[in-house]
Amino acid sequence: MYKVIWSDDAESDYYNTLVFWTKHNKSNSYSIKLIANVERKINYLIQNPNAGIATNFHNTYKVPILKYFSLYYRLSEQTIEIIAFWDNRRNPENLEL
């Protein structure tokens, strides 16, 4: 079974996104929905680590989360490293992996 680890940047971006939407909506409903979707995708990746979409970055895959977000991850022997939590509305040229 694969172990999942988050990079500091990915974890920070994810947290900041949750905080933003909670404040913006004055409710945590969307953040809870986002958390549930992220957890569901991660659990799916643990069982199917190659299920992500290959990217132009070496050994890097992405999976969509809801409509506006993606998780970028890399695989090693028994590890899924989440390297970015990305808002797809941002300029993709700014994505540094």
N, C-alpha and C. Protein backbone atom coordinates (compact mmCIF):
# COMPACT_ATOMS: atom_id res chain seq x y z
N MET A 1 0.84 -1.18 0.00
CA MET A 1 0.00 0.00 0.00
C MET A 1 0.89 1.25 0.00
N TYR A 2 0.48 2.22 -0.77
CA TYR A 2 1.24 3.46 -0.87
C TYR A 2 1.00 4.36 0.33
N LYS A 3 2.05 5.06 0.71
CA LYS A 3 1.98 6.07 1.76
C LYS A 3 1.87 7.43 1.07
N VAL A 4 1.06 8.32 1.62
CA VAL A 4 0.88 9.65 1.04
C VAL A 4 1.57 10.68 1.92
N ILE A 5 2.39 11.51 1.29
CA ILE A 5 3.01 12.63 2.00
C ILE A 5 2.72 13.90 1.21
N TRP A 6 2.61 14.99 1.92
CA TRP A 6 2.36 16.30 1.30
C TRP A 6 3.63 17.14 1.42
N SER A 7 3.98 17.83 0.35
CA SER A 7 5.07 18.80 0.45
C SER A 7 4.56 19.97 1.29
N ASP A 8 5.49 20.72 1.85
CA ASP A 8 5.09 21.88 2.65
C ASP A 8 4.29 22.88 1.82
N ASP A 9 4.72 23.12 0.58
CA ASP A 9 4.02 24.08 -0.29
C ASP A 9 2.60 23.61 -0.60
N ALA A 10 2.44 22.34 -0.93
CA ALA A 10 1.12 21.81 -1.26
C ALA A 10 0.19 21.90 -0.05
N GLU A 11 0.72 21.53 1.10
CA GLU A 11 -0.09 21.57 2.33
C GLU A 11 -0.50 23.00 2.66
N SER A 12 0.42 23.93 2.51
CA SER A 12 0.14 25.34 2.78
C SER A 12 -0.91 25.89 1.81
N ASP A 13 -0.77 25.59 0.52
CA ASP A 13 -1.74 26.07 -0.47
C ASP A 13 -3.12 25.49 -0.21
N TYR A 14 -3.17 24.23 0.16
CA TYR A 14 -4.44 23.56 0.46
C TYR A 14 -5.10 24.23 1.67
N TYR A 15 -4.35 24.41 2.73
CA TYR A 15 -4.87 25.05 3.93
C TYR A 15 -5.37 26.47 3.63
N ASN A 16 -4.55 27.24 2.92
CA ASN A 16 -4.93 28.62 2.60
C ASN A 16 -6.18 28.68 1.73
N THR A 17 -6.34 27.72 0.85
CA THR A 17 -7.54 27.65 0.01
C THR A 17 -8.77 27.39 0.88
N LEU A 18 -8.65 26.46 1.81
CA LEU A 18 -9.78 26.16 2.70
C LEU A 18 -10.16 27.38 3.54
N VAL A 19 -9.16 28.07 4.07
CA VAL A 19 -9.42 29.27 4.87
C VAL A 19 -10.08 30.35 4.02
N PHE A 20 -9.55 30.56 2.82
CA PHE A 20 -10.11 31.58 1.93
C PHE A 20 -11.59 31.33 1.68
N TRP A 21 -11.95 30.10 1.29
CA TRP A 21 -13.34 29.82 0.94
C TRP A 21 -14.26 29.87 2.16
N THR A 22 -13.74 29.51 3.30
CA THR A 22 -14.55 29.62 4.52
C THR A 22 -14.86 31.08 4.82
N LYS A 23 -13.85 31.94 4.70
CA LYS A 23 -14.07 33.37 4.96
C LYS A 23 -14.92 34.00 3.86
N HIS A 24 -14.61 33.68 2.62
CA HIS A 24 -15.32 34.27 1.47
C HIS A 24 -16.81 33.94 1.50
N ASN A 25 -17.13 32.71 1.81
CA ASN A 25 -18.53 32.26 1.81
C ASN A 25 -19.23 32.45 3.16
N LYS A 26 -18.44 32.85 4.17
CA LYS A 26 -18.96 32.96 5.54
C LYS A 26 -19.62 31.65 5.98
N SER A 27 -19.04 30.57 5.50
CA SER A 27 -19.54 29.22 5.80
C SER A 27 -18.42 28.24 5.46
N ASN A 28 -18.40 27.13 6.14
CA ASN A 28 -17.38 26.13 5.82
C ASN A 28 -17.92 25.03 4.90
N SER A 29 -19.11 25.20 4.36
CA SER A 29 -19.72 24.16 3.52
C SER A 29 -18.86 23.79 2.31
N TYR A 30 -18.39 24.80 1.58
CA TYR A 30 -17.58 24.51 0.40
C TYR A 30 -16.25 23.87 0.80
N SER A 31 -15.65 24.35 1.88
CA SER A 31 -14.39 23.78 2.35
C SER A 31 -14.57 22.32 2.74
N ILE A 32 -15.67 22.00 3.38
CA ILE A 32 -15.95 20.60 3.74
C ILE A 32 -16.11 19.75 2.49
N LYS A 33 -16.79 20.28 1.49
CA LYS A 33 -16.95 19.58 0.22
C LYS A 33 -15.59 19.35 -0.44
N LEU A 34 -14.73 20.37 -0.40
CA LEU A 34 -13.39 20.27 -0.98
C LEU A 34 -12.56 19.22 -0.24
N ILE A 35 -12.61 19.23 1.08
CA ILE A 35 -11.88 18.24 1.88
C ILE A 35 -12.34 16.83 1.53
N ALA A 36 -13.64 16.63 1.45
CA ALA A 36 -14.17 15.30 1.14
C ALA A 36 -13.70 14.83 -0.23
N ASN A 37 -13.67 15.74 -1.20
CA ASN A 37 -13.22 15.37 -2.54
C ASN A 37 -11.73 15.07 -2.57
N VAL A 38 -10.93 15.84 -1.86
CA VAL A 38 -9.49 15.57 -1.79
C VAL A 38 -9.26 14.22 -1.14
N GLU A 39 -9.92 13.94 -0.04
CA GLU A 39 -9.75 12.65 0.63
C GLU A 39 -10.16 11.49 -0.27
N ARG A 40 -11.25 11.66 -0.98
CA ARG A 40 -11.72 10.61 -1.89
C ARG A 40 -10.70 10.35 -3.00
N LYS A 41 -10.14 11.42 -3.56
CA LYS A 41 -9.13 11.25 -4.63
C LYS A 41 -7.87 10.60 -4.09
N ILE A 42 -7.44 11.00 -2.91
CA ILE A 42 -6.23 10.41 -2.33
C ILE A 42 -6.45 8.92 -2.06
N ASN A 43 -7.59 8.57 -1.50
CA ASN A 43 -7.87 7.15 -1.25
C ASN A 43 -7.91 6.36 -2.55
N TYR A 44 -8.44 6.96 -3.60
CA TYR A 44 -8.45 6.30 -4.91
C TYR A 44 -7.02 6.12 -5.43
N LEU A 45 -6.18 7.16 -5.25
CA LEU A 45 -4.80 7.07 -5.72
C LEU A 45 -4.00 6.02 -4.96
N ILE A 46 -4.29 5.85 -3.70
CA ILE A 46 -3.59 4.82 -2.92
C ILE A 46 -3.82 3.45 -3.55
N GLN A 47 -5.02 3.22 -4.03
CA GLN A 47 -5.35 1.94 -4.67
C GLN A 47 -4.94 1.91 -6.15
N ASN A 48 -4.88 3.07 -6.78
CA ASN A 48 -4.60 3.18 -8.22
C ASN A 48 -3.61 4.32 -8.47
N PRO A 49 -2.37 4.16 -8.06
CA PRO A 49 -1.42 5.27 -8.10
C PRO A 49 -1.13 5.82 -9.50
N ASN A 50 -1.33 5.03 -10.52
CA ASN A 50 -1.07 5.51 -11.88
C ASN A 50 -2.31 6.08 -12.56
N ALA A 51 -3.35 6.33 -11.80
CA ALA A 51 -4.62 6.79 -12.37
C ALA A 51 -4.61 8.26 -12.77
N GLY A 52 -3.64 9.01 -12.30
CA GLY A 52 -3.60 10.43 -12.64
C GLY A 52 -3.26 10.67 -14.09
N ILE A 53 -3.43 11.90 -14.50
CA ILE A 53 -3.12 12.33 -15.86
C ILE A 53 -1.64 12.70 -15.92
N ALA A 54 -0.90 12.10 -16.85
CA ALA A 54 0.51 12.43 -17.00
C ALA A 54 0.65 13.90 -17.39
N THR A 55 1.68 14.55 -16.86
CA THR A 55 1.95 15.95 -17.18
C THR A 55 3.26 16.06 -17.95
N ASN A 56 3.62 17.27 -18.31
CA ASN A 56 4.89 17.50 -18.99
C ASN A 56 6.07 17.49 -18.03
N PHE A 57 5.80 17.40 -16.74
CA PHE A 57 6.85 17.34 -15.74
C PHE A 57 7.22 15.88 -15.50
N HIS A 58 8.50 15.61 -15.35
CA HIS A 58 9.00 14.24 -15.19
C HIS A 58 8.32 13.54 -14.01
N ASN A 59 7.78 12.35 -14.26
CA ASN A 59 7.20 11.49 -13.23
C ASN A 59 6.14 12.22 -12.39
N THR A 60 5.42 13.12 -13.00
CA THR A 60 4.43 13.92 -12.29
C THR A 60 3.07 13.75 -12.93
N TYR A 61 2.07 13.56 -12.08
CA TYR A 61 0.70 13.33 -12.52
C TYR A 61 -0.21 14.34 -11.84
N LYS A 62 -1.40 14.50 -12.40
CA LYS A 62 -2.38 15.36 -11.74
C LYS A 62 -3.74 14.68 -11.74
N VAL A 63 -4.53 15.05 -10.75
CA VAL A 63 -5.91 14.61 -10.68
C VAL A 63 -6.78 15.83 -10.39
N PRO A 64 -7.90 15.95 -11.09
CA PRO A 64 -8.79 17.08 -10.84
C PRO A 64 -9.55 16.91 -9.54
N ILE A 65 -9.78 18.04 -8.88
CA ILE A 65 -10.57 18.08 -7.66
C ILE A 65 -11.69 19.09 -7.89
N LEU A 66 -12.91 18.63 -7.85
CA LEU A 66 -14.05 19.46 -8.19
C LEU A 66 -13.79 20.12 -9.54
N LYS A 67 -14.22 21.35 -9.72
CA LYS A 67 -14.08 21.99 -11.03
C LYS A 67 -12.80 22.81 -11.15
N TYR A 68 -12.35 23.39 -10.06
CA TYR A 68 -11.31 24.41 -10.15
C TYR A 68 -9.94 24.04 -9.61
N PHE A 69 -9.77 22.84 -9.10
CA PHE A 69 -8.51 22.50 -8.44
C PHE A 69 -7.92 21.21 -8.98
N SER A 70 -6.62 21.06 -8.78
CA SER A 70 -5.93 19.81 -9.13
C SER A 70 -4.88 19.51 -8.09
N LEU A 71 -4.66 18.22 -7.86
CA LEU A 71 -3.53 17.76 -7.07
C LEU A 71 -2.47 17.28 -8.04
N TYR A 72 -1.24 17.73 -7.85
CA TYR A 72 -0.11 17.23 -8.62
C TYR A 72 0.70 16.34 -7.69
N TYR A 73 1.12 15.19 -8.20
CA TYR A 73 1.84 14.25 -7.35
C TYR A 73 2.91 13.50 -8.14
N ARG A 74 3.86 12.97 -7.38
CA ARG A 74 4.92 12.12 -7.93
C ARG A 74 4.88 10.79 -7.21
N LEU A 75 5.32 9.78 -7.94
CA LEU A 75 5.36 8.43 -7.38
C LEU A 75 6.80 8.00 -7.16
N SER A 76 7.01 7.33 -6.05
CA SER A 76 8.25 6.59 -5.85
C SER A 76 7.83 5.19 -5.43
N GLU A 77 8.74 4.38 -4.97
CA GLU A 77 8.45 2.96 -4.72
C GLU A 77 7.11 2.71 -4.04
N GLN A 78 6.91 3.25 -2.87
CA GLN A 78 5.65 3.04 -2.15
C GLN A 78 5.10 4.36 -1.61
N THR A 79 5.44 5.46 -2.28
CA THR A 79 5.04 6.77 -1.80
C THR A 79 4.38 7.59 -2.90
N ILE A 80 3.31 8.24 -2.52
CA ILE A 80 2.68 9.25 -3.36
C ILE A 80 2.99 10.58 -2.69
N GLU A 81 3.78 11.41 -3.36
CA GLU A 81 4.12 12.71 -2.80
C GLU A 81 3.28 13.77 -3.49
N ILE A 82 2.39 14.39 -2.74
CA ILE A 82 1.59 15.48 -3.29
C ILE A 82 2.46 16.72 -3.27
N ILE A 83 2.75 17.24 -4.45
CA ILE A 83 3.69 18.35 -4.56
C ILE A 83 3.01 19.69 -4.83
N ALA A 84 1.74 19.66 -5.21
CA ALA A 84 1.03 20.93 -5.43
C ALA A 84 -0.47 20.73 -5.29
N PHE A 85 -1.09 21.69 -4.65
CA PHE A 85 -2.54 21.83 -4.66
C PHE A 85 -2.78 23.09 -5.46
N TRP A 86 -3.33 22.95 -6.66
CA TRP A 86 -3.32 24.02 -7.64
C TRP A 86 -4.73 24.49 -7.98
N ASP A 87 -4.91 25.80 -8.00
CA ASP A 87 -6.15 26.40 -8.47
C ASP A 87 -6.03 26.53 -9.99
N ASN A 88 -6.83 25.79 -10.72
CA ASN A 88 -6.72 25.73 -12.18
C ASN A 88 -7.03 27.05 -12.88
N ARG A 89 -7.54 28.02 -12.15
CA ARG A 89 -7.81 29.33 -12.74
C ARG A 89 -6.56 30.19 -12.79
N ARG A 90 -5.52 29.75 -12.12
CA ARG A 90 -4.25 30.48 -12.15
C ARG A 90 -3.52 30.21 -13.45
N ASN A 91 -2.59 31.07 -13.78
CA ASN A 91 -1.79 30.92 -14.99
C ASN A 91 -0.92 29.68 -14.85
N PRO A 92 -1.07 28.69 -15.73
CA PRO A 92 -0.28 27.46 -15.60
C PRO A 92 1.22 27.68 -15.76
N GLU A 93 1.61 28.79 -16.36
CA GLU A 93 3.04 29.09 -16.47
C GLU A 93 3.66 29.38 -15.11
N ASN A 94 2.84 29.69 -14.12
CA ASN A 94 3.34 29.96 -12.78
C ASN A 94 3.49 28.70 -11.93
N LEU A 95 3.09 27.57 -12.47
CA LEU A 95 3.20 26.31 -11.73
C LEU A 95 4.65 25.85 -11.74
N GLU A 96 5.25 25.78 -10.57
CA GLU A 96 6.63 25.33 -10.43
C GLU A 96 6.63 24.03 -9.65
N LEU A 97 7.11 22.99 -10.31
CA LEU A 97 7.13 21.68 -9.64
C LEU A 97 8.53 21.18 -9.50
